C-alpha atoms as a PDB file:
ATOM      1  CA  MET A   1       0.144   4.935  37.232  1.00  0.00           C
ATOM      2  CA  ALA A   2      -2.410   6.921  39.631  1.00  0.00           C
ATOM      3  CA  GLU A   3      -5.145   4.926  38.878  1.00  0.00           C
ATOM      4  CA  PHE A   4      -3.505   1.529  38.808  1.00  0.00           C
ATOM      5  CA  PRO A   5       0.043   2.064  40.230  1.00  0.00           C
ATOM      6  CA  GLU A   6       1.055  -1.505  40.063  1.00  0.00           C
ATOM      7  CA  TYR A   7       0.654  -2.009  36.412  1.00  0.00           C
ATOM      8  CA  GLU A   8       1.558  -4.794  34.596  1.00  0.00           C
ATOM      9  CA  LEU A   9       3.633  -3.474  31.178  1.00  0.00           C
ATOM     10  CA  LEU A  10       3.075  -5.930  28.303  1.00  0.00           C
ATOM     11  CA  ALA A  11       4.251  -3.744  25.694  1.00  0.00           C
ATOM     12  CA  VAL A  12       4.542  -0.704  23.859  1.00  0.00           C
ATOM     13  CA  LYS A  13       4.464  -0.548  19.792  1.00  0.00           C
ATOM     14  CA  GLN A  14       3.847   1.170  17.168  1.00  0.00           C
ATOM     15  CA  LYS A  15       1.365  -0.463  15.062  1.00  0.00           C
ATOM     16  CA  TRP A  16      -0.518   1.521  11.534  1.00  0.00           C
ATOM     17  CA  GLY A  17       1.089   4.951  13.019  1.00  0.00           C
ATOM     18  CA  MET A  18      -0.450   4.352  16.559  1.00  0.00           C
ATOM     19  CA  LEU A  19       0.365   3.896  20.134  1.00  0.00           C
ATOM     20  CA  ALA A  20      -0.485   0.249  21.197  1.00  0.00           C
ATOM     21  CA  PHE A  21      -0.177  -0.452  24.822  1.00  0.00           C
ATOM     22  CA  GLN A  22      -1.296  -3.298  26.427  1.00  0.00           C
ATOM     23  CA  ALA A  23      -0.653  -3.087  30.410  1.00  0.00           C
ATOM     24  CA  PHE A  24      -2.987  -5.675  32.869  1.00  0.00           C
ATOM     25  CA  PRO A  25      -4.173  -3.587  35.937  1.00  0.00           C
ATOM     26  CA  ARG A  26      -1.427  -5.191  38.295  1.00  0.00           C
ATOM     27  CA  PRO A  27       0.989  -8.687  37.324  1.00  0.00           C
ATOM     28  CA  TRP A  28      -1.082 -11.973  36.871  1.00  0.00           C
ATOM     29  CA  LYS A  29      -1.442 -14.736  39.325  1.00  0.00           C
ATOM     30  CA  PRO A  30      -2.875 -17.690  37.731  1.00  0.00           C
ATOM     31  CA  GLY A  31      -6.746 -16.872  38.372  1.00  0.00           C
ATOM     32  CA  GLY A  32      -6.695 -13.584  37.637  1.00  0.00           C
ATOM     33  CA  ASP A  33      -6.902 -10.734  40.576  1.00  0.00           C
ATOM     34  CA  TRP A  34      -8.151  -7.822  38.944  1.00  0.00           C
ATOM     35  CA  THR A  35     -11.859  -7.312  38.102  1.00  0.00           C
ATOM     36  CA  SER A  36     -13.502  -6.940  34.746  1.00  0.00           C
ATOM     37  CA  ALA A  37     -14.346  -2.831  35.628  1.00  0.00           C
ATOM     38  CA  GLU A  38     -11.091  -2.485  35.988  1.00  0.00           C
ATOM     39  CA  TYR A  39      -9.641  -4.818  33.006  1.00  0.00           C
ATOM     40  CA  ALA A  40     -11.842  -2.365  31.222  1.00  0.00           C
ATOM     41  CA  ARG A  41     -10.599   1.089  32.669  1.00  0.00           C
ATOM     42  CA  LEU A  42      -7.295   0.584  32.071  1.00  0.00           C
ATOM     43  CA  GLY A  43      -8.816  -0.789  27.856  1.00  0.00           C
ATOM     44  CA  THR A  44      -9.900   3.034  28.144  1.00  0.00           C
ATOM     45  CA  LEU A  45      -7.192   4.803  29.470  1.00  0.00           C
ATOM     46  CA  ALA A  46      -4.890   2.900  27.295  1.00  0.00           C
ATOM     47  CA  ASP A  47      -7.417   4.058  24.061  1.00  0.00           C
ATOM     48  CA  ALA A  48      -6.599   7.788  24.959  1.00  0.00           C
ATOM     49  CA  PHE A  49      -3.135   8.008  24.932  1.00  0.00           C
ATOM     50  CA  ALA A  50      -3.805   5.559  22.079  1.00  0.00           C
ATOM     51  CA  ASP A  51      -5.616   8.497  20.026  1.00  0.00           C
ATOM     52  CA  ARG A  52      -3.867  11.113  21.281  1.00  0.00           C
ATOM     53  CA  SER A  53      -0.478   9.786  19.546  1.00  0.00           C
ATOM     54  CA  GLU A  54      -2.166  10.245  16.057  1.00  0.00           C
ATOM     55  CA  THR A  55      -2.009  13.709  16.552  1.00  0.00           C
ATOM     56  CA  VAL A  56       1.445  14.112  17.940  1.00  0.00           C
ATOM     57  CA  CYS A  57       4.987  13.931  16.047  1.00  0.00           C
ATOM     58  CA  GLU A  58       6.950  10.834  17.721  1.00  0.00           C
ATOM     59  CA  ARG A  59      10.164  12.594  16.685  1.00  0.00           C
ATOM     60  CA  CYS A  60       9.953  16.400  18.120  1.00  0.00           C
ATOM     61  CA  GLY A  61       6.805  16.011  20.008  1.00  0.00           C
ATOM     62  CA  ASP A  62       5.169  18.901  18.404  1.00  0.00           C
ATOM     63  CA  GLY A  63       1.644  18.856  16.543  1.00  0.00           C
ATOM     64  CA  GLY A  64       1.103  15.751  14.165  1.00  0.00           C
ATOM     65  CA  LEU A  65      -0.956  14.143  10.862  1.00  0.00           C
ATOM     66  CA  LEU A  66      -0.141  10.449  10.089  1.00  0.00           C
ATOM     67  CA  ARG A  67       2.137   9.485   7.265  1.00  0.00           C
ATOM     68  CA  GLU A  68       0.810   6.984   4.682  1.00  0.00           C
ATOM     69  CA  SER A  69       4.314   8.661   2.251  1.00  0.00           C
ATOM     70  CA  ARG A  70       7.392   5.958   3.722  1.00  0.00           C
ATOM     71  CA  ARG A  71       7.074   2.217   3.906  1.00  0.00           C
ATOM     72  CA  ILE A  72       6.132   2.668   8.145  1.00  0.00           C
ATOM     73  CA  HIS A  73       3.737   4.915   9.064  1.00  0.00           C
ATOM     74  CA  LEU A  74       4.867   7.620  10.891  1.00  0.00           C
ATOM     75  CA  VAL A  75       2.879  10.779  12.830  1.00  0.00           C
ATOM     76  CA  LEU A  76       5.324  13.578  12.429  1.00  0.00           C
ATOM     77  CA  CYS A  77       4.831  17.375  12.035  1.00  0.00           C
ATOM     78  CA  ASP A  78       5.745  19.024   8.441  1.00  0.00           C
ATOM     79  CA  ARG A  79       9.258  20.044   9.717  1.00  0.00           C
ATOM     80  CA  CYS A  80      10.296  16.202  10.464  1.00  0.00           C
ATOM     81  CA  GLU A  81       8.286  15.337   7.713  1.00  0.00           C
ATOM     82  CA  THR A  82      11.391  17.021   5.262  1.00  0.00           C
ATOM     83  CA  GLN A  83      13.454  15.259   8.000  1.00  0.00           C
ATOM     84  CA  VAL A  84      12.931  12.151   8.385  1.00  0.00           C
ATOM     85  CA  PRO A  85      14.576   9.529   5.299  1.00  0.00           C
ATOM     86  CA  GLU A  86      12.581   7.638   3.250  1.00  0.00           C
ATOM     87  CA  HIS A  87      13.457   4.489   4.982  1.00  0.00           C
ATOM     88  CA  GLY A  88      11.617   6.264   8.152  1.00  0.00           C
ATOM     89  CA  ARG A  89      13.584   5.785  10.840  1.00  0.00           C
ATOM     90  CA  ILE A  90      13.848   8.415  13.196  1.00  0.00           C
END
């Protein structure tokens, strides 16, 4: 928000246990109206948060690890790992 207050959010999801975030620096217009440098900077910011998401428990926000023991990959702390059922619904 600080660098791109008018950003256009396209998608936020979890993919392989990581945050996947897609956005434009500002709402899209035919022909585009942002520079490649702006788009690259937004990608760098999104990548930093995706990397950080690998270490934050999806359930409580404490430090976590990628858990691949379920049908869906989740990042969970040790405590939440014991509380989230096999189907992975948090």
